Amino acid sequence: MLEAVRQRAKENEMPCAVAFDIARDLNVQPSEVGFALDYSEIRLVKCQLGLFGYKPQKSIVSPSSSVSQDLEKDIKVRLKNGRLPCKEAWALASERGLRKMEVSSACEALGIKISECQLGAF
């Protein structure tokens, strides 16, 4: 896995999507790829939820102008200690046919933080 991580990194950085591709290709948990990135001192960038790794402002997620009651309910039932785990945000996006950043934007509008990055970044 270390070799795969090192080969796919560019300028000592790796986008979140590439890290997930490696996890899928090697049939391992994303957290294992995250550990390999950390071990190799490769910086994770371009979070698919828009939370970190973008230049120059780091985060590109902005609050939705409105959040439907159904989506708000779906988010709130998945909260863990008042936060939405990254994995749950991804699942919710998949189940509802939304882009991942639509879920994170809804969370921003609701004042809900996303936690437990699947790659271990936060």
PDB file of N, CA and C in Angstrom:
ATOM      1  N   MET A   1       0.817  -1.185   0.000  1.00  0.00           N
ATOM      2  CA  MET A   1       0.000   0.000   0.000  1.00  0.00           C
ATOM      3  C   MET A   1       0.869   1.260   0.000  1.00  0.00           C
ATOM      4  N   LEU A   2       1.954   1.243   0.740  1.00  0.00           N
ATOM      5  CA  LEU A   2       2.845   2.404   0.765  1.00  0.00           C
ATOM      6  C   LEU A   2       3.324   2.759  -0.636  1.00  0.00           C
ATOM      7  N   GLU A   3       3.630   1.739  -1.414  1.00  0.00           N
ATOM      8  CA  GLU A   3       4.096   1.980  -2.784  1.00  0.00           C
ATOM      9  C   GLU A   3       2.986   2.619  -3.621  1.00  0.00           C
ATOM     10  N   ALA A   4       1.765   2.118  -3.482  1.00  0.00           N
ATOM     11  CA  ALA A   4       0.637   2.685  -4.231  1.00  0.00           C
ATOM     12  C   ALA A   4       0.417   4.143  -3.849  1.00  0.00           C
ATOM     13  N   VAL A   5       0.511   4.433  -2.567  1.00  0.00           N
ATOM     14  CA  VAL A   5       0.333   5.803  -2.083  1.00  0.00           C
ATOM     15  C   VAL A   5       1.422   6.709  -2.644  1.00  0.00           C
ATOM     16  N   ARG A   6       2.649   6.261  -2.561  1.00  0.00           N
ATOM     17  CA  ARG A   6       3.770   7.083  -3.041  1.00  0.00           C
ATOM     18  C   ARG A   6       3.713   7.305  -4.555  1.00  0.00           C
ATOM     19  N   GLN A   7       3.284   6.277  -5.300  1.00  0.00           N
ATOM     20  CA  GLN A   7       3.203   6.402  -6.758  1.00  0.00           C
ATOM     21  C   GLN A   7       2.120   7.385  -7.194  1.00  0.00           C
ATOM     22  N   ARG A   8       1.024   7.428  -6.461  1.00  0.00           N
ATOM     23  CA  ARG A   8      -0.114   8.263  -6.870  1.00  0.00           C
ATOM     24  C   ARG A   8      -0.051   9.692  -6.333  1.00  0.00           C
ATOM     25  N   ALA A   9       0.849   9.938  -5.383  1.00  0.00           N
ATOM     26  CA  ALA A   9       0.992  11.290  -4.825  1.00  0.00           C
ATOM     27  C   ALA A   9       1.668  12.202  -5.841  1.00  0.00           C
ATOM     28  N   LYS A  10       1.270  13.460  -5.823  1.00  0.00           N
ATOM     29  CA  LYS A  10       1.896  14.467  -6.687  1.00  0.00           C
ATOM     30  C   LYS A  10       2.296  15.635  -5.808  1.00  0.00           C
ATOM     31  N   GLU A  11       3.565  16.007  -5.909  1.00  0.00           N
ATOM     32  CA  GLU A  11       4.097  17.118  -5.121  1.00  0.00           C
ATOM     33  C   GLU A  11       3.788  16.946  -3.636  1.00  0.00           C
ATOM     34  N   ASN A  12       3.913  15.705  -3.166  1.00  0.00           N
ATOM     35  CA  ASN A  12       3.727  15.358  -1.759  1.00  0.00           C
ATOM     36  C   ASN A  12       2.292  15.611  -1.265  1.00  0.00           C
ATOM     37  N   GLU A  13       1.327  15.551  -2.196  1.00  0.00           N
ATOM     38  CA  GLU A  13      -0.085  15.728  -1.865  1.00  0.00           C
ATOM     39  C   GLU A  13      -0.911  14.660  -2.573  1.00  0.00           C
ATOM     40  N   MET A  14      -2.062  14.355  -1.977  1.00  0.00           N
ATOM     41  CA  MET A  14      -2.982  13.417  -2.612  1.00  0.00           C
ATOM     42  C   MET A  14      -4.420  13.868  -2.360  1.00  0.00           C
ATOM     43  N   PRO A  15      -5.213  14.012  -3.425  1.00  0.00           N
ATOM     44  CA  PRO A  15      -6.626  14.332  -3.247  1.00  0.00           C
ATOM     45  C   PRO A  15      -7.379  13.194  -2.560  1.00  0.00           C
ATOM     46  N   CYS A  16      -8.364  13.562  -1.795  1.00  0.00           N
ATOM     47  CA  CYS A  16      -9.227  12.612  -1.104  1.00  0.00           C
ATOM     48  C   CYS A  16      -9.740  11.531  -2.069  1.00  0.00           C
ATOM     49  N   ALA A  17     -10.214  11.925  -3.232  1.00  0.00           N
ATOM     50  CA  ALA A  17     -10.776  10.966  -4.193  1.00  0.00           C
ATOM     51  C   ALA A  17      -9.755   9.916  -4.610  1.00  0.00           C
ATOM     52  N   VAL A  18      -8.506  10.317  -4.777  1.00  0.00           N
ATOM     53  CA  VAL A  18      -7.449   9.373  -5.159  1.00  0.00           C
ATOM     54  C   VAL A  18      -7.193   8.399  -4.015  1.00  0.00           C
ATOM     55  N   ALA A  19      -7.191   8.899  -2.790  1.00  0.00           N
ATOM     56  CA  ALA A  19      -6.995   8.027  -1.627  1.00  0.00           C
ATOM     57  C   ALA A  19      -8.107   6.980  -1.556  1.00  0.00           C
ATOM     58  N   PHE A  20      -9.335   7.384  -1.830  1.00  0.00           N
ATOM     59  CA  PHE A  20     -10.449   6.428  -1.832  1.00  0.00           C
ATOM     60  C   PHE A  20     -10.325   5.437  -2.988  1.00  0.00           C
ATOM     61  N   ASP A  21      -9.816   5.882  -4.132  1.00  0.00           N
ATOM     62  CA  ASP A  21      -9.570   4.963  -5.249  1.00  0.00           C
ATOM     63  C   ASP A  21      -8.564   3.890  -4.844  1.00  0.00           C
ATOM     64  N   ILE A  22      -7.519   4.290  -4.143  1.00  0.00           N
ATOM     65  CA  ILE A  22      -6.505   3.330  -3.689  1.00  0.00           C
ATOM     66  C   ILE A  22      -7.134   2.329  -2.727  1.00  0.00           C
ATOM     67  N   ALA A  23      -7.938   2.812  -1.785  1.00  0.00           N
ATOM     68  CA  ALA A  23      -8.599   1.918  -0.827  1.00  0.00           C
ATOM     69  C   ALA A  23      -9.469   0.900  -1.560  1.00  0.00           C
ATOM     70  N   ARG A  24     -10.219   1.378  -2.551  1.00  0.00           N
ATOM     71  CA  ARG A  24     -11.079   0.476  -3.327  1.00  0.00           C
ATOM     72  C   ARG A  24     -10.240  -0.526  -4.117  1.00  0.00           C
ATOM     73  N   ASP A  25      -9.207  -0.027  -4.799  1.00  0.00           N
ATOM     74  CA  ASP A  25      -8.369  -0.890  -5.634  1.00  0.00           C
ATOM     75  C   ASP A  25      -7.659  -1.972  -4.823  1.00  0.00           C
ATOM     76  N   LEU A  26      -7.242  -1.623  -3.604  1.00  0.00           N
ATOM     77  CA  LEU A  26      -6.514  -2.575  -2.756  1.00  0.00           C
ATOM     78  C   LEU A  26      -7.434  -3.326  -1.796  1.00  0.00           C
ATOM     79  N   ASN A  27      -8.728  -3.006  -1.843  1.00  0.00           N
ATOM     80  CA  ASN A  27      -9.722  -3.636  -0.981  1.00  0.00           C
ATOM     81  C   ASN A  27      -9.354  -3.498   0.503  1.00  0.00           C
ATOM     82  N   VAL A  28      -9.036  -2.257   0.896  1.00  0.00           N
ATOM     83  CA  VAL A  28      -8.711  -1.961   2.293  1.00  0.00           C
ATOM     84  C   VAL A  28      -9.594  -0.811   2.771  1.00  0.00           C
ATOM     85  N   GLN A  29      -9.637  -0.621   4.062  1.00  0.00           N
ATOM     86  CA  GLN A  29     -10.394   0.484   4.643  1.00  0.00           C
ATOM     87  C   GLN A  29      -9.718   1.814   4.303  1.00  0.00           C
ATOM     88  N   PRO A  30     -10.493   2.861   4.067  1.00  0.00           N
ATOM     89  CA  PRO A  30      -9.893   4.169   3.808  1.00  0.00           C
ATOM     90  C   PRO A  30      -8.939   4.612   4.922  1.00  0.00           C
ATOM     91  N   SER A  31      -9.239   4.246   6.153  1.00  0.00           N
ATOM     92  CA  SER A  31      -8.370   4.639   7.270  1.00  0.00           C
ATOM     93  C   SER A  31      -6.963   4.072   7.113  1.00  0.00           C
ATOM     94  N   GLU A  32      -6.841   2.902   6.487  1.00  0.00           N
ATOM     95  CA  GLU A  32      -5.517   2.317   6.257  1.00  0.00           C
ATOM     96  C   GLU A  32      -4.725   3.154   5.250  1.00  0.00           C
ATOM     97  N   VAL A  33      -5.402   3.650   4.233  1.00  0.00           N
ATOM     98  CA  VAL A  33      -4.743   4.525   3.261  1.00  0.00           C
ATOM     99  C   VAL A  33      -4.359   5.833   3.951  1.00  0.00           C
ATOM    100  N   GLY A  34      -5.243   6.336   4.800  1.00  0.00           N
ATOM    101  CA  GLY A  34      -4.941   7.548   5.550  1.00  0.00           C
ATOM    102  C   GLY A  34      -3.709   7.382   6.419  1.00  0.00           C
ATOM    103  N   PHE A  35      -3.590   6.217   7.052  1.00  0.00           N
ATOM    104  CA  PHE A  35      -2.403   5.940   7.871  1.00  0.00           C
ATOM    105  C   PHE A  35      -1.149   5.932   6.997  1.00  0.00           C
ATOM    106  N   ALA A  36      -1.238   5.296   5.825  1.00  0.00           N
ATOM    107  CA  ALA A  36      -0.090   5.242   4.908  1.00  0.00           C
ATOM    108  C   ALA A  36       0.296   6.645   4.436  1.00  0.00           C
ATOM    109  N   LEU A  37      -0.694   7.489   4.200  1.00  0.00           N
ATOM    110  CA  LEU A  37      -0.419   8.876   3.809  1.00  0.00           C
ATOM    111  C   LEU A  37       0.319   9.605   4.928  1.00  0.00           C
ATOM    112  N   ASP A  38      -0.187   9.438   6.135  1.00  0.00           N
ATOM    113  CA  ASP A  38       0.436  10.091   7.285  1.00  0.00           C
ATOM    114  C   ASP A  38       1.863   9.584   7.483  1.00  0.00           C
ATOM    115  N   TYR A  39       2.026   8.280   7.411  1.00  0.00           N
ATOM    116  CA  TYR A  39       3.345   7.663   7.576  1.00  0.00           C
ATOM    117  C   TYR A  39       4.329   8.173   6.523  1.00  0.00           C
ATOM    118  N   SER A  40       3.837   8.348   5.312  1.00  0.00           N
ATOM    119  CA  SER A  40       4.676   8.806   4.198  1.00  0.00           C
ATOM    120  C   SER A  40       4.803  10.330   4.147  1.00  0.00           C
ATOM    121  N   GLU A  41       4.163  10.997   5.099  1.00  0.00           N
ATOM    122  CA  GLU A  41       4.165  12.463   5.170  1.00  0.00           C
ATOM    123  C   GLU A  41       3.638  13.106   3.887  1.00  0.00           C
ATOM    124  N   ILE A  42       2.583  12.485   3.355  1.00  0.00           N
ATOM    125  CA  ILE A  42       1.899  13.007   2.173  1.00  0.00           C
ATOM    126  C   ILE A  42       0.635  13.712   2.654  1.00  0.00           C
ATOM    127  N   ARG A  43       0.459  14.924   2.208  1.00  0.00           N
ATOM    128  CA  ARG A  43      -0.652  15.760   2.653  1.00  0.00           C
ATOM    129  C   ARG A  43      -1.925  15.416   1.884  1.00  0.00           C
ATOM    130  N   LEU A  44      -3.000  15.217   2.620  1.00  0.00           N
ATOM    131  CA  LEU A  44      -4.304  14.956   2.026  1.00  0.00           C
ATOM    132  C   LEU A  44      -4.939  16.294   1.638  1.00  0.00           C
ATOM    133  N   VAL A  45      -5.424  16.393   0.394  1.00  0.00           N
ATOM    134  CA  VAL A  45      -6.023  17.636  -0.104  1.00  0.00           C
ATOM    135  C   VAL A  45      -7.353  17.345  -0.801  1.00  0.00           C
ATOM    136  N   LYS A  46      -8.077  18.398  -1.078  1.00  0.00           N
ATOM    137  CA  LYS A  46      -9.332  18.350  -1.840  1.00  0.00           C
ATOM    138  C   LYS A  46     -10.349  17.359  -1.271  1.00  0.00           C
ATOM    139  N   CYS A  47     -10.664  17.566   0.007  1.00  0.00           N
ATOM    140  CA  CYS A  47     -11.721  16.799   0.668  1.00  0.00           C
ATOM    141  C   CYS A  47     -12.973  16.827  -0.211  1.00  0.00           C
ATOM    142  N   GLN A  48     -13.602  15.667  -0.397  1.00  0.00           N
ATOM    143  CA  GLN A  48     -14.778  15.597  -1.262  1.00  0.00           C
ATOM    144  C   GLN A  48     -16.006  16.268  -0.655  1.00  0.00           C
ATOM    145  N   LEU A  49     -15.932  16.565   0.652  1.00  0.00           N
ATOM    146  CA  LEU A  49     -16.995  17.321   1.301  1.00  0.00           C
ATOM    147  C   LEU A  49     -16.694  18.819   1.287  1.00  0.00           C
ATOM    148  N   GLY A  50     -15.527  19.178   0.742  1.00  0.00           N
ATOM    149  CA  GLY A  50     -15.149  20.581   0.626  1.00  0.00           C
ATOM    150  C   GLY A  50     -14.621  21.203   1.903  1.00  0.00           C
ATOM    151  N   LEU A  51     -14.260  20.369   2.879  1.00  0.00           N
ATOM    152  CA  LEU A  51     -13.899  20.878   4.199  1.00  0.00           C
ATOM    153  C   LEU A  51     -12.459  21.329   4.343  1.00  0.00           C
ATOM    154  N   PHE A  52     -11.560  20.793   3.552  1.00  0.00           N
ATOM    155  CA  PHE A  52     -10.150  21.174   3.673  1.00  0.00           C
ATOM    156  C   PHE A  52      -9.404  20.856   2.388  1.00  0.00           C
ATOM    157  N   GLY A  53      -8.179  21.413   2.309  1.00  0.00           N
ATOM    158  CA  GLY A  53      -7.278  21.055   1.225  1.00  0.00           C
ATOM    159  C   GLY A  53      -7.442  21.822  -0.067  1.00  0.00           C
ATOM    160  N   TYR A  54      -8.055  22.984  -0.001  1.00  0.00           N
ATOM    161  CA  TYR A  54      -8.223  23.819  -1.189  1.00  0.00           C
ATOM    162  C   TYR A  54      -7.438  25.110  -0.985  1.00  0.00           C
ATOM    163  N   LYS A  55      -6.862  25.601  -2.055  1.00  0.00           N
ATOM    164  CA  LYS A  55      -6.056  26.818  -1.960  1.00  0.00           C
ATOM    165  C   LYS A  55      -6.816  27.975  -2.585  1.00  0.00           C
ATOM    166  N   PRO A  56      -6.741  29.157  -2.047  1.00  0.00           N
ATOM    167  CA  PRO A  56      -5.960  29.541  -0.866  1.00  0.00           C
ATOM    168  C   PRO A  56      -6.749  29.462   0.434  1.00  0.00           C
ATOM    169  N   GLN A  57      -8.072  29.282   0.370  1.00  0.00           N
ATOM    170  CA  GLN A  57      -8.898  29.423   1.566  1.00  0.00           C
ATOM    171  C   GLN A  57      -9.066  28.153   2.401  1.00  0.00           C
ATOM    172  N   LYS A  58      -8.506  27.036   2.019  1.00  0.00           N
ATOM    173  CA  LYS A  58      -8.596  25.735   2.690  1.00  0.00           C
ATOM    174  C   LYS A  58      -9.949  25.068   2.458  1.00  0.00           C
ATOM    175  N   SER A  59     -11.034  25.651   2.966  1.00  0.00           N
ATOM    176  CA  SER A  59     -12.365  25.072   2.831  1.00  0.00           C
ATOM    177  C   SER A  59     -13.123  25.780   1.712  1.00  0.00           C
ATOM    178  N   ILE A  60     -13.894  25.014   0.937  1.00  0.00           N
ATOM    179  CA  ILE A  60     -14.701  25.641  -0.115  1.00  0.00           C
ATOM    180  C   ILE A  60     -16.192  25.443   0.117  1.00  0.00           C
ATOM    181  N   VAL A  61     -16.549  24.780   1.200  1.00  0.00           N
ATOM    182  CA  VAL A  61     -17.965  24.552   1.480  1.00  0.00           C
ATOM    183  C   VAL A  61     -18.580  25.852   2.000  1.00  0.00           C
ATOM    184  N   SER A  62     -19.783  26.139   1.519  1.00  0.00           N
ATOM    185  CA  SER A  62     -20.511  27.307   2.008  1.00  0.00           C
ATOM    186  C   SER A  62     -21.925  26.859   2.374  1.00  0.00           C
ATOM    187  N   PRO A  63     -22.555  27.557   3.293  1.00  0.00           N
ATOM    188  CA  PRO A  63     -23.892  27.147   3.736  1.00  0.00           C
ATOM    189  C   PRO A  63     -24.913  27.176   2.598  1.00  0.00           C
ATOM    190  N   SER A  64     -25.769  26.189   2.568  1.00  0.00           N
ATOM    191  CA  SER A  64     -26.891  26.179   1.616  1.00  0.00           C
ATOM    192  C   SER A  64     -27.810  27.347   1.939  1.00  0.00           C
ATOM    193  N   SER A  65     -28.460  27.879   0.921  1.00  0.00           N
ATOM    194  CA  SER A  65     -29.408  28.971   1.160  1.00  0.00           C
ATOM    195  C   SER A  65     -30.645  28.462   1.891  1.00  0.00           C
ATOM    196  N   SER A  66     -30.968  27.181   1.695  1.00  0.00           N
ATOM    197  CA  SER A  66     -32.081  26.564   2.423  1.00  0.00           C
ATOM    198  C   SER A  66     -31.840  25.057   2.493  1.00  0.00           C
ATOM    199  N   VAL A  67     -32.422  24.442   3.507  1.00  0.00           N
ATOM    200  CA  VAL A  67     -32.303  22.995   3.706  1.00  0.00           C
ATOM    201  C   VAL A  67     -33.712  22.450   3.901  1.00  0.00           C
ATOM    202  N   SER A  68     -34.082  21.466   3.100  1.00  0.00           N
ATOM    203  CA  SER A  68     -35.425  20.895   3.232  1.00  0.00           C
ATOM    204  C   SER A  68     -35.575  20.228   4.599  1.00  0.00           C
ATOM    205  N   GLN A  69     -36.807  20.183   5.079  1.00  0.00           N
ATOM    206  CA  GLN A  69     -37.069  19.549   6.374  1.00  0.00           C
ATOM    207  C   GLN A  69     -36.681  18.076   6.349  1.00  0.00           C
ATOM    208  N   ASP A  70     -36.922  17.411   5.218  1.00  0.00           N
ATOM    209  CA  ASP A  70     -36.571  15.993   5.104  1.00  0.00           C
ATOM    210  C   ASP A  70     -35.066  15.784   5.217  1.00  0.00           C
ATOM    211  N   LEU A  71     -34.289  16.611   4.532  1.00  0.00           N
ATOM    212  CA  LEU A  71     -32.838  16.481   4.599  1.00  0.00           C
ATOM    213  C   LEU A  71     -32.342  16.801   6.004  1.00  0.00           C
ATOM    214  N   GLU A  72     -32.883  17.843   6.617  1.00  0.00           N
ATOM    215  CA  GLU A  72     -32.491  18.189   7.987  1.00  0.00           C
ATOM    216  C   GLU A  72     -32.759  17.016   8.932  1.00  0.00           C
ATOM    217  N   LYS A  73     -33.923  16.401   8.785  1.00  0.00           N
ATOM    218  CA  LYS A  73     -34.274  15.249   9.627  1.00  0.00           C
ATOM    219  C   LYS A  73     -33.292  14.102   9.388  1.00  0.00           C
ATOM    220  N   ASP A  74     -33.006  13.810   8.113  1.00  0.00           N
ATOM    221  CA  ASP A  74     -32.078  12.724   7.785  1.00  0.00           C
ATOM    222  C   ASP A  74     -30.686  12.977   8.353  1.00  0.00           C
ATOM    223  N   ILE A  75     -30.257  14.227   8.343  1.00  0.00           N
ATOM    224  CA  ILE A  75     -28.949  14.563   8.911  1.00  0.00           C
ATOM    225  C   ILE A  75     -28.984  14.369  10.420  1.00  0.00           C
ATOM    226  N   LYS A  76     -30.007  14.910  11.065  1.00  0.00           N
ATOM    227  CA  LYS A  76     -30.063  14.898  12.534  1.00  0.00           C
ATOM    228  C   LYS A  76     -30.165  13.494  13.121  1.00  0.00           C
ATOM    229  N   VAL A  77     -30.820  12.572  12.430  1.00  0.00           N
ATOM    230  CA  VAL A  77     -30.912  11.209  12.982  1.00  0.00           C
ATOM    231  C   VAL A  77     -29.584  10.461  12.887  1.00  0.00           C
ATOM    232  N   ARG A  78     -28.658  10.968  12.101  1.00  0.00           N
ATOM    233  CA  ARG A  78     -27.359  10.318  11.931  1.00  0.00           C
ATOM    234  C   ARG A  78     -26.256  10.944  12.794  1.00  0.00           C
ATOM    235  N   LEU A  79     -26.592  11.956  13.556  1.00  0.00           N
ATOM    236  CA  LEU A  79     -25.581  12.640  14.357  1.00  0.00           C
ATOM    237  C   LEU A  79     -25.007  11.730  15.432  1.00  0.00           C
ATOM    238  N   LYS A  80     -23.731  11.927  15.693  1.00  0.00           N
ATOM    239  CA  LYS A  80     -23.030  11.215  16.753  1.00  0.00           C
ATOM    240  C   LYS A  80     -22.349  12.290  17.595  1.00  0.00           C
ATOM    241  N   ASN A  81     -22.781  12.417  18.836  1.00  0.00           N
ATOM    242  CA  ASN A  81     -22.269  13.476  19.716  1.00  0.00           C
ATOM    243  C   ASN A  81     -22.446  14.863  19.092  1.00  0.00           C
ATOM    244  N   GLY A  82     -23.587  15.053  18.420  1.00  0.00           N
ATOM    245  CA  GLY A  82     -23.907  16.355  17.850  1.00  0.00           C
ATOM    246  C   GLY A  82     -23.228  16.671  16.528  1.00  0.00           C
ATOM    247  N   ARG A  83     -22.474  15.715  16.002  1.00  0.00           N
ATOM    248  CA  ARG A  83     -21.758  15.926  14.730  1.00  0.00           C
ATOM    249  C   ARG A  83     -22.136  14.819  13.743  1.00  0.00           C
ATOM    250  N   LEU A  84     -21.979  15.119  12.462  1.00  0.00           N
ATOM    251  CA  LEU A  84     -22.278  14.126  11.430  1.00  0.00           C
ATOM    252  C   LEU A  84     -20.978  13.467  10.987  1.00  0.00           C
ATOM    253  N   PRO A  85     -20.823  12.161  11.239  1.00  0.00           N
ATOM    254  CA  PRO A  85     -19.611  11.481  10.768  1.00  0.00           C
ATOM    255  C   PRO A  85     -19.506  11.536   9.238  1.00  0.00           C
ATOM    256  N   CYS A  86     -18.301  11.698   8.762  1.00  0.00           N
ATOM    257  CA  CYS A  86     -18.015  11.758   7.325  1.00  0.00           C
ATOM    258  C   CYS A  86     -18.684  10.594   6.581  1.00  0.00           C
ATOM    259  N   LYS A  87     -18.537   9.404   7.108  1.00  0.00           N
ATOM    260  CA  LYS A  87     -19.102   8.215   6.453  1.00  0.00           C
ATOM    261  C   LYS A  87     -20.620   8.345   6.301  1.00  0.00           C
ATOM    262  N   GLU A  88     -21.273   8.914   7.311  1.00  0.00           N
ATOM    263  CA  GLU A  88     -22.723   9.118   7.256  1.00  0.00           C
ATOM    264  C   GLU A  88     -23.083  10.188   6.221  1.00  0.00           C
ATOM    265  N   ALA A  89     -22.252  11.215   6.110  1.00  0.00           N
ATOM    266  CA  ALA A  89     -22.489  12.255   5.094  1.00  0.00           C
ATOM    267  C   ALA A  89     -22.433  11.636   3.702  1.00  0.00           C
ATOM    268  N   TRP A  90     -21.436  10.774   3.484  1.00  0.00           N
ATOM    269  CA  TRP A  90     -21.309  10.094   2.193  1.00  0.00           C
ATOM    270  C   TRP A  90     -22.519   9.198   1.927  1.00  0.00           C
ATOM    271  N   ALA A  91     -22.927   8.435   2.943  1.00  0.00           N
ATOM    272  CA  ALA A  91     -24.065   7.523   2.787  1.00  0.00           C
ATOM    273  C   ALA A  91     -25.334   8.310   2.472  1.00  0.00           C
ATOM    274  N   LEU A  92     -25.534   9.396   3.181  1.00  0.00           N
ATOM    275  CA  LEU A  92     -26.712  10.229   2.957  1.00  0.00           C
ATOM    276  C   LEU A  92     -26.726  10.789   1.534  1.00  0.00           C
ATOM    277  N   ALA A  93     -25.587  11.256   1.070  1.00  0.00           N
ATOM    278  CA  ALA A  93     -25.494  11.764  -0.304  1.00  0.00           C
ATOM    279  C   ALA A  93     -25.850  10.668  -1.304  1.00  0.00           C
ATOM    280  N   SER A  94     -25.317   9.482  -1.097  1.00  0.00           N
ATOM    281  CA  SER A  94     -25.578   8.363  -1.998  1.00  0.00           C
ATOM    282  C   SER A  94     -27.060   7.978  -1.990  1.00  0.00           C
ATOM    283  N   GLU A  95     -27.631   7.849  -0.806  1.00  0.00           N
ATOM    284  CA  GLU A  95     -29.034   7.441  -0.672  1.00  0.00           C
ATOM    285  C   GLU A  95     -29.994   8.452  -1.290  1.00  0.00           C
ATOM    286  N   ARG A  96     -29.667   9.730  -1.196  1.00  0.00           N
ATOM    287  CA  ARG A  96     -30.565  10.779  -1.679  1.00  0.00           C
ATOM    288  C   ARG A  96     -30.222  11.275  -3.077  1.00  0.00           C
ATOM    289  N   GLY A  97     -29.156  10.729  -3.680  1.00  0.00           N
ATOM    290  CA  GLY A  97     -28.757  11.168  -5.015  1.00  0.00           C
ATOM    291  C   GLY A  97     -28.218  12.590  -5.031  1.00  0.00           C
ATOM    292  N   LEU A  98     -27.558  12.977  -3.939  1.00  0.00           N
ATOM    293  CA  LEU A  98     -26.979  14.315  -3.819  1.00  0.00           C
ATOM    294  C   LEU A  98     -25.471  14.252  -3.999  1.00  0.00           C
ATOM    295  N   ARG A  99     -24.884  15.404  -4.321  1.00  0.00           N
ATOM    296  CA  ARG A  99     -23.428  15.492  -4.308  1.00  0.00           C
ATOM    297  C   ARG A  99     -22.993  15.581  -2.850  1.00  0.00           C
ATOM    298  N   LYS A 100     -21.816  15.084  -2.552  1.00  0.00           N
ATOM    299  CA  LYS A 100     -21.323  15.107  -1.173  1.00  0.00           C
ATOM    300  C   LYS A 100     -21.285  16.530  -0.623  1.00  0.00           C
ATOM    301  N   MET A 101     -20.899  17.479  -1.472  1.00  0.00           N
ATOM    302  CA  MET A 101     -20.816  18.866  -1.005  1.00  0.00           C
ATOM    303  C   MET A 101     -22.194  19.472  -0.751  1.00  0.00           C
ATOM    304  N   GLU A 102     -23.243  18.911  -1.313  1.00  0.00           N
ATOM    305  CA  GLU A 102     -24.588  19.389  -0.986  1.00  0.00           C
ATOM    306  C   GLU A 102     -24.927  19.036   0.455  1.00  0.00           C
ATOM    307  N   VAL A 103     -24.478  17.864   0.896  1.00  0.00           N
ATOM    308  CA  VAL A 103     -24.708  17.459   2.285  1.00  0.00           C
ATOM    309  C   VAL A 103     -23.889  18.334   3.228  1.00  0.00           C
ATOM    310  N   SER A 104     -22.621  18.552   2.912  1.00  0.00           N
ATOM    311  CA  SER A 104     -21.798  19.389   3.795  1.00  0.00           C
ATOM    312  C   SER A 104     -22.307  20.834   3.810  1.00  0.00           C
ATOM    313  N   SER A 105     -22.822  21.321   2.697  1.00  0.00           N
ATOM    314  CA  SER A 105     -23.393  22.675   2.659  1.00  0.00           C
ATOM    315  C   SER A 105     -24.646  22.766   3.527  1.00  0.00           C
ATOM    316  N   ALA A 106     -25.451  21.713   3.506  1.00  0.00           N
ATOM    317  CA  ALA A 106     -26.633  21.672   4.374  1.00  0.00           C
ATOM    318  C   ALA A 106     -26.203  21.677   5.841  1.00  0.00           C
ATOM    319  N   CYS A 107     -25.172  20.910   6.157  1.00  0.00           N
ATOM    320  CA  CYS A 107     -24.661  20.884   7.535  1.00  0.00           C
ATOM    321  C   CYS A 107     -24.172  22.262   7.956  1.00  0.00           C
ATOM    322  N   GLU A 108     -23.478  22.950   7.064  1.00  0.00           N
ATOM    323  CA  GLU A 108     -23.001  24.311   7.364  1.00  0.00           C
ATOM    324  C   GLU A 108     -24.186  25.220   7.676  1.00  0.00           C
ATOM    325  N   ALA A 109     -25.239  25.125   6.889  1.00  0.00           N
ATOM    326  CA  ALA A 109     -26.420  25.964   7.101  1.00  0.00           C
ATOM    327  C   ALA A 109     -27.092  25.655   8.434  1.00  0.00           C
ATOM    328  N   LEU A 110     -27.019  24.398   8.854  1.00  0.00           N
ATOM    329  CA  LEU A 110     -27.651  23.973  10.104  1.00  0.00           C
ATOM    330  C   LEU A 110     -26.735  24.135  11.313  1.00  0.00           C
ATOM    331  N   GLY A 111     -25.503  24.550  11.079  1.00  0.00           N
ATOM    332  CA  GLY A 111     -24.551  24.702  12.179  1.00  0.00           C
ATOM    333  C   GLY A 111     -24.045  23.381  12.719  1.00  0.00           C
ATOM    334  N   ILE A 112     -24.047  22.355  11.867  1.00  0.00           N
ATOM    335  CA  ILE A 112     -23.605  21.015  12.265  1.00  0.00           C
ATOM    336  C   ILE A 112     -22.223  20.753  11.683  1.00  0.00           C
ATOM    337  N   LYS A 113     -21.314  20.345  12.532  1.00  0.00           N
ATOM    338  CA  LYS A 113     -19.949  20.027  12.106  1.00  0.00           C
ATOM    339  C   LYS A 113     -19.889  18.580  11.626  1.00  0.00           C
ATOM    340  N   ILE A 114     -19.016  18.329  10.671  1.00  0.00           N
ATOM    341  CA  ILE A 114     -18.769  16.970  10.189  1.00  0.00           C
ATOM    342  C   ILE A 114     -17.527  16.465  10.899  1.00  0.00           C
ATOM    343  N   SER A 115     -17.581  15.212  11.329  1.00  0.00           N
ATOM    344  CA  SER A 115     -16.487  14.640  12.116  1.00  0.00           C
ATOM    345  C   SER A 115     -16.049  13.295  11.550  1.00  0.00           C
ATOM    346  N   GLU A 116     -15.013  12.761  12.155  1.00  0.00           N
ATOM    347  CA  GLU A 116     -14.530  11.408  11.866  1.00  0.00           C
ATOM    348  C   GLU A 116     -14.248  11.155  10.386  1.00  0.00           C
ATOM    349  N   CYS A 117     -13.347  11.943   9.825  1.00  0.00           N
ATOM    350  CA  CYS A 117     -12.914  11.725   8.448  1.00  0.00           C
ATOM    351  C   CYS A 117     -12.555  10.251   8.264  1.00  0.00           C
ATOM    352  N   GLN A 118     -13.031   9.656   7.189  1.00  0.00           N
ATOM    353  CA  GLN A 118     -12.758   8.240   6.932  1.00  0.00           C
ATOM    354  C   GLN A 118     -11.287   7.963   6.678  1.00  0.00           C
ATOM    355  N   LEU A 119     -10.552   8.999   6.277  1.00  0.00           N
ATOM    356  CA  LEU A 119      -9.113   8.861   6.029  1.00  0.00           C
ATOM    357  C   LEU A 119      -8.283   9.289   7.237  1.00  0.00           C
ATOM    358  N   GLY A 120      -8.966   9.768   8.273  1.00  0.00           N
ATOM    359  CA  GLY A 120      -8.275  10.161   9.495  1.00  0.00           C
ATOM    360  C   GLY A 120      -7.723  11.572   9.499  1.00  0.00           C
ATOM    361  N   ALA A 121      -8.141  12.409   8.557  1.00  0.00           N
ATOM    362  CA  ALA A 121      -7.629  13.782   8.499  1.00  0.00           C
ATOM    363  C   ALA A 121      -8.154  14.627   9.660  1.00  0.00           C
ATOM    364  N   PHE A 122      -9.344  14.314  10.150  1.00  0.00           N
ATOM    365  CA  PHE A 122      -9.911  15.022  11.314  1.00  0.00           C
ATOM    366  C   PHE A 122     -10.815  14.086  12.076  1.00  0.00           C
TER     367      PHE A 122
END
